[in-house]
């Protein structure tokens, strides 16, 4: 996984916050004045597909509130890599820094291009200390993160690959807010922690059943209802947990 180390240039975009609610669920849960203030602390950036925001165990310097696209949190051990959580417009990358934990427990890799509000860690931590609503939201999201990672571990050990693939595609569609996803089978094999041939077989089965269509790195979800039926119960459990902990759904049902 080649890290992207381009120099970032933050360009404040307060007009986004002034003209409409933030497209990030955590920011939109705050009073408008607080959301506008956070926007002044950083700037909106384009997160490029396969860009590495930080490595595992690296000191984190920036926090990201995705507006669109999604970021995979990936655990690395003994040369193996496995996605443990997917973050999109419903969450934040780097929430742990608000608790005084500077090093990243997992790598963060962009798997769906999009925009995000990027704030330096120091400014973010100070804002969390001052703002009770933001602090509560970040604390709740941290609890949700732990729950989601535990669910991922149980899912890997307890469910067959086709059901796990269906669950992952549903989560990706929720965050992309589009049935069209930019994916390769090699990338999916890393996300699911299996050999590429396993992903090929599982994807071929879903394609044969008319649930998905894919070619040359582009995958389209054709039948959302059938994909939900093919998924394991972890997907519905994730949505219920988000509603219980954060007070809302990951995405509106379409």
Protein backbone atom coordinates (compact mmCIF):
# COMPACT_ATOMS: atom_id res chain seq x y z
CA UNK A 1 0.00 0.00 0.00
CA UNK A 2 1.92 2.99 -1.26
CA UNK A 3 1.42 6.05 0.92
CA UNK A 4 0.47 9.33 -0.66
CA UNK A 5 2.58 12.10 0.83
CA UNK A 6 1.55 15.11 -1.22
CA UNK A 7 1.64 18.46 0.55
CA UNK A 8 -1.87 19.47 1.56
CA UNK A 9 -3.03 23.00 1.12
CA UNK A 10 -6.08 23.83 3.19
CA UNK A 11 -8.51 26.19 1.50
CA UNK A 12 -11.26 27.40 3.85
CA UNK A 13 -14.77 27.14 2.44
CA UNK A 14 -17.03 28.76 5.05
CA UNK A 15 -19.60 29.43 2.33
CA UNK A 16 -20.51 25.73 2.38
CA UNK A 17 -21.53 26.01 6.01
CA UNK A 18 -23.30 29.34 5.58
CA UNK A 19 -25.50 28.37 2.67
CA UNK A 20 -26.64 24.88 3.68
CA UNK A 21 -26.24 22.28 6.44
CA UNK A 22 -23.01 20.31 6.40
CA UNK A 23 -23.21 17.08 4.35
CA UNK A 24 -21.36 15.37 7.21
CA UNK A 25 -23.79 13.89 9.75
CA UNK A 26 -21.69 14.70 12.83
CA UNK A 27 -21.23 18.32 11.80
CA UNK A 28 -24.88 18.70 10.82
CA UNK A 29 -25.91 17.52 14.30
CA UNK A 30 -24.26 20.64 15.77
CA UNK A 31 -25.82 24.09 16.01
CA UNK A 32 -25.18 25.98 12.76
CA UNK A 33 -22.90 28.47 14.50
CA UNK A 34 -20.67 25.68 15.84
CA UNK A 35 -20.51 23.96 12.45
CA UNK A 36 -19.49 27.26 10.81
CA UNK A 37 -16.79 27.77 13.42
CA UNK A 38 -15.32 24.31 12.77
CA UNK A 39 -15.25 25.10 9.06
CA UNK A 40 -13.05 28.11 9.77
CA UNK A 41 -10.49 25.86 11.51
CA UNK A 42 -9.63 23.93 8.37
CA UNK A 43 -10.55 23.56 4.73
CA UNK A 44 -12.23 21.29 2.23
CA UNK A 45 -9.98 18.81 0.40
CA UNK A 46 -10.41 16.28 -2.36
CA UNK A 47 -9.58 12.79 -1.10
CA UNK A 48 -8.17 10.80 -3.99
CA UNK A 49 -8.94 7.12 -4.60
CA UNK A 50 -6.31 4.87 -2.93
CA UNK A 51 -4.72 7.83 -1.14
CA UNK A 52 -3.33 6.89 2.28
CA UNK A 53 -4.29 9.51 4.87
CA UNK A 54 -2.08 7.97 7.55
CA UNK A 55 -0.34 4.71 8.36
CA UNK A 56 -0.98 2.45 11.31
CA UNK A 57 0.96 3.62 14.41
CA UNK A 58 1.80 6.90 12.70
CA UNK A 59 1.32 10.16 14.62
CA UNK A 60 -1.85 11.64 13.18
CA UNK A 61 -1.71 15.31 12.20
CA UNK A 62 -5.13 15.83 10.62
CA UNK A 63 -8.74 14.86 11.25
CA UNK A 64 -11.19 14.35 8.38
CA UNK A 65 -14.96 14.83 8.30
CA UNK A 66 -15.97 13.26 4.95
CA UNK A 67 -18.65 15.03 2.95
CA UNK A 68 -18.63 12.39 0.22
CA UNK A 69 -16.67 9.28 -0.68
CA UNK A 70 -15.39 6.90 1.98
CA UNK A 71 -12.27 5.85 3.85
CA UNK A 72 -11.28 2.34 4.94
CA UNK A 73 -9.62 1.84 8.30
CA UNK A 74 -7.20 -1.04 7.86
CA UNK A 75 -5.48 -3.13 10.52
CA UNK A 76 -2.05 -4.52 9.66
CA UNK A 77 -0.40 -7.47 11.38
CA UNK A 78 2.31 -9.87 10.27
CA UNK A 79 2.21 -8.65 6.70
CA UNK A 80 -1.56 -9.08 6.43
CA UNK A 81 -4.06 -6.27 6.00
CA UNK A 82 -7.77 -6.23 6.75
CA UNK A 83 -10.41 -3.53 6.77
CA UNK A 84 -11.96 -3.11 10.22
CA UNK A 85 -14.27 -0.15 9.51
CA UNK A 86 -15.62 1.99 6.70
CA UNK A 87 -16.05 5.73 7.29
CA UNK A 88 -18.10 8.09 5.14
CA UNK A 89 -20.30 11.14 5.56
CA UNK A 90 -21.73 9.66 8.77
CA UNK A 91 -18.43 9.80 10.66
CA UNK A 92 -14.93 11.14 11.15
CA UNK A 93 -11.40 9.82 10.59
CA UNK A 94 -9.11 10.56 13.53
CA UNK A 95 -11.70 10.86 16.31
CA UNK A 96 -9.30 9.13 18.71
CA UNK A 97 -7.03 12.21 18.73
CA UNK A 98 -9.66 14.07 20.78
CA UNK A 99 -8.94 11.59 23.60
CA UNK A 100 -5.23 12.42 23.61
CA UNK A 101 -4.24 9.37 21.54
CA UNK A 102 -1.86 10.71 18.90
CA UNK A 103 -0.90 7.47 17.12
CA UNK A 104 -3.27 5.82 14.66
CA UNK A 105 -4.60 2.39 15.72
CA UNK A 106 -5.14 1.58 12.03
CA UNK A 107 -4.20 2.86 8.60
CA UNK A 108 -6.67 5.08 6.73
CA UNK A 109 -7.02 4.50 2.99
CA UNK A 110 -9.41 6.34 0.66
CA UNK A 111 -11.50 3.78 -1.20
CA UNK A 112 -14.03 6.19 -2.67
CA UNK A 113 -13.00 9.63 -3.95
CA UNK A 114 -14.79 12.56 -2.35
CA UNK A 115 -14.52 15.76 -0.32
CA UNK A 116 -13.79 16.14 3.38
CA UNK A 117 -13.35 18.96 5.88
CA UNK A 118 -9.76 18.63 7.10
CA UNK A 119 -8.73 20.11 10.47
CA UNK A 120 -5.33 20.03 12.16
CA UNK A 121 -5.35 17.82 15.26
CA UNK A 122 -4.46 20.60 17.69
CA UNK A 123 -7.33 22.82 16.56
CA UNK A 124 -9.73 19.88 16.54
CA UNK A 125 -8.81 18.77 20.07
CA UNK A 126 -9.20 22.33 21.37
CA UNK A 127 -12.64 22.62 19.74
CA UNK A 128 -13.73 19.34 21.32
CA UNK A 129 -12.64 20.56 24.76
CA UNK A 130 -14.61 23.80 24.38
CA UNK A 131 -17.76 22.50 22.74
CA UNK A 132 -19.91 20.08 24.74
CA UNK A 133 -22.12 19.08 21.80
CA UNK A 134 -19.11 18.26 19.65
CA UNK A 135 -17.44 16.43 22.53
CA UNK A 136 -20.52 14.27 23.10
CA UNK A 137 -20.80 13.45 19.39
CA UNK A 138 -17.13 12.46 19.15
CA UNK A 139 -17.37 10.33 22.31
CA UNK A 140 -20.42 8.56 20.94
CA UNK A 141 -18.72 7.99 17.61
CA UNK A 142 -15.70 6.53 19.39
CA UNK A 143 -18.01 4.04 21.13
CA UNK A 144 -19.57 3.21 17.76
CA UNK A 145 -16.10 2.66 16.27
CA UNK A 146 -15.27 0.06 18.91
CA UNK A 147 -18.59 -1.67 18.36
CA UNK A 148 -18.13 -1.70 14.57
CA UNK A 149 -14.65 -3.17 14.82
CA UNK A 150 -15.91 -5.91 17.14
CA UNK A 151 -18.70 -6.70 14.68
CA UNK A 152 -16.22 -6.91 11.81
CA UNK A 153 -14.10 -9.42 13.74
CA UNK A 154 -17.16 -11.56 14.52
CA UNK A 155 -18.35 -11.33 10.91
CA UNK A 156 -15.02 -12.53 9.54
CA UNK A 157 -15.02 -15.58 11.80
CA UNK A 158 -18.72 -16.41 11.62
CA UNK A 159 -20.04 -15.70 8.13
CA UNK A 160 -19.35 -16.96 4.63
CA UNK A 161 -17.63 -14.76 2.08
CA UNK A 162 -20.64 -14.11 -0.23
CA UNK A 163 -22.65 -12.70 2.69
CA UNK A 164 -19.68 -10.63 3.87
CA UNK A 165 -19.18 -9.23 0.37
CA UNK A 166 -22.85 -8.28 0.19
CA UNK A 167 -22.60 -6.52 3.56
CA UNK A 168 -19.52 -4.58 2.47
CA UNK A 169 -21.11 -3.47 -0.81
CA UNK A 170 -24.19 -2.23 1.07
CA UNK A 171 -22.02 -0.21 3.44
CA UNK A 172 -20.06 1.23 0.52
CA UNK A 173 -23.24 2.21 -1.33
CA UNK A 174 -24.63 3.91 1.78
CA UNK A 175 -21.55 6.09 2.07
CA UNK A 176 -21.10 6.72 -1.65
CA UNK A 177 -24.85 7.45 -1.91
CA UNK A 178 -24.67 5.88 -5.35
CA UNK A 179 -25.13 2.34 -6.76
CA UNK A 180 -21.95 2.83 -8.80
CA UNK A 181 -18.70 2.04 -7.00
CA UNK A 182 -15.06 2.35 -8.09
CA UNK A 183 -13.60 -1.01 -7.06
CA UNK A 184 -11.18 -3.67 -8.16
CA UNK A 185 -11.24 -7.29 -7.06
CA UNK A 186 -7.71 -6.88 -5.73
CA UNK A 187 -8.88 -3.99 -3.56
CA UNK A 188 -11.87 -5.99 -2.32
CA UNK A 189 -9.61 -8.91 -1.42
CA UNK A 190 -7.70 -6.60 0.94
CA UNK A 191 -10.89 -5.15 2.40
CA UNK A 192 -12.29 -8.62 3.11
CA UNK A 193 -9.00 -10.29 4.07
CA UNK A 194 -9.28 -13.11 1.53
CA UNK A 195 -7.51 -14.27 -1.62
CA UNK A 196 -8.55 -12.62 -4.86
CA UNK A 197 -10.00 -15.86 -6.23
CA UNK A 198 -12.46 -15.91 -3.33
CA UNK A 199 -13.68 -12.42 -4.19
CA UNK A 200 -13.93 -13.41 -7.86
CA UNK A 201 -16.14 -16.40 -7.04
CA UNK A 202 -18.38 -14.45 -4.67
CA UNK A 203 -18.75 -11.52 -7.08
CA UNK A 204 -19.46 -13.88 -9.98
CA UNK A 205 -22.25 -15.48 -7.97
CA UNK A 206 -23.87 -12.10 -7.24
CA UNK A 207 -23.47 -11.13 -10.90
CA UNK A 208 -25.04 -14.38 -12.10
CA UNK A 209 -28.04 -13.72 -9.87
CA UNK A 210 -28.52 -10.25 -11.37
CA UNK A 211 -27.66 -8.44 -8.13
CA UNK A 212 -24.52 -6.63 -9.30
CA UNK A 213 -22.73 -5.83 -12.51
CA UNK A 214 -19.02 -5.13 -12.79
CA UNK A 215 -16.25 -4.61 -15.33
CA UNK A 216 -12.75 -3.09 -15.26
CA UNK A 217 -12.83 -1.66 -11.76
CA UNK A 218 -16.43 -0.39 -11.91
CA UNK A 219 -19.14 -2.16 -9.93
CA UNK A 220 -22.85 -1.32 -10.05
CA UNK A 221 -25.46 -2.53 -7.57
CA UNK A 222 -28.42 -3.52 -9.73
CA UNK A 223 -30.82 -4.97 -7.13
CA UNK A 224 -30.43 -3.37 -3.68
CA UNK A 225 -33.21 -5.46 -2.07
CA UNK A 226 -31.67 -8.72 -3.25
CA UNK A 227 -28.26 -7.58 -2.02
CA UNK A 228 -29.70 -6.96 1.46
CA UNK A 229 -31.21 -10.44 1.43
CA UNK A 230 -27.83 -11.89 0.44
CA UNK A 231 -26.03 -10.06 3.25
CA UNK A 232 -25.43 -11.42 6.74
CA UNK A 233 -27.29 -9.91 9.69
CA UNK A 234 -24.29 -7.73 10.55
CA UNK A 235 -25.42 -5.07 8.08
CA UNK A 236 -28.79 -4.52 9.76
CA UNK A 237 -27.04 -4.70 13.14
CA UNK A 238 -24.66 -1.91 12.11
CA UNK A 239 -27.54 0.34 11.06
CA UNK A 240 -29.41 -0.32 14.30
CA UNK A 241 -26.29 0.41 16.35
CA UNK A 242 -25.76 3.71 14.55
CA UNK A 243 -29.34 4.75 15.23
CA UNK A 244 -29.05 3.77 18.90
CA UNK A 245 -25.66 5.39 19.58
CA UNK A 246 -25.66 8.37 17.24
CA UNK A 247 -29.38 8.99 17.02
CA UNK A 248 -29.82 8.56 13.29
CA UNK A 249 -29.43 6.24 10.31
CA UNK A 250 -26.23 5.85 8.31
CA UNK A 251 -28.18 6.78 5.19
CA UNK A 252 -31.83 7.20 4.22
CA UNK A 253 -33.36 4.08 2.70
CA UNK A 254 -34.01 4.58 -0.99
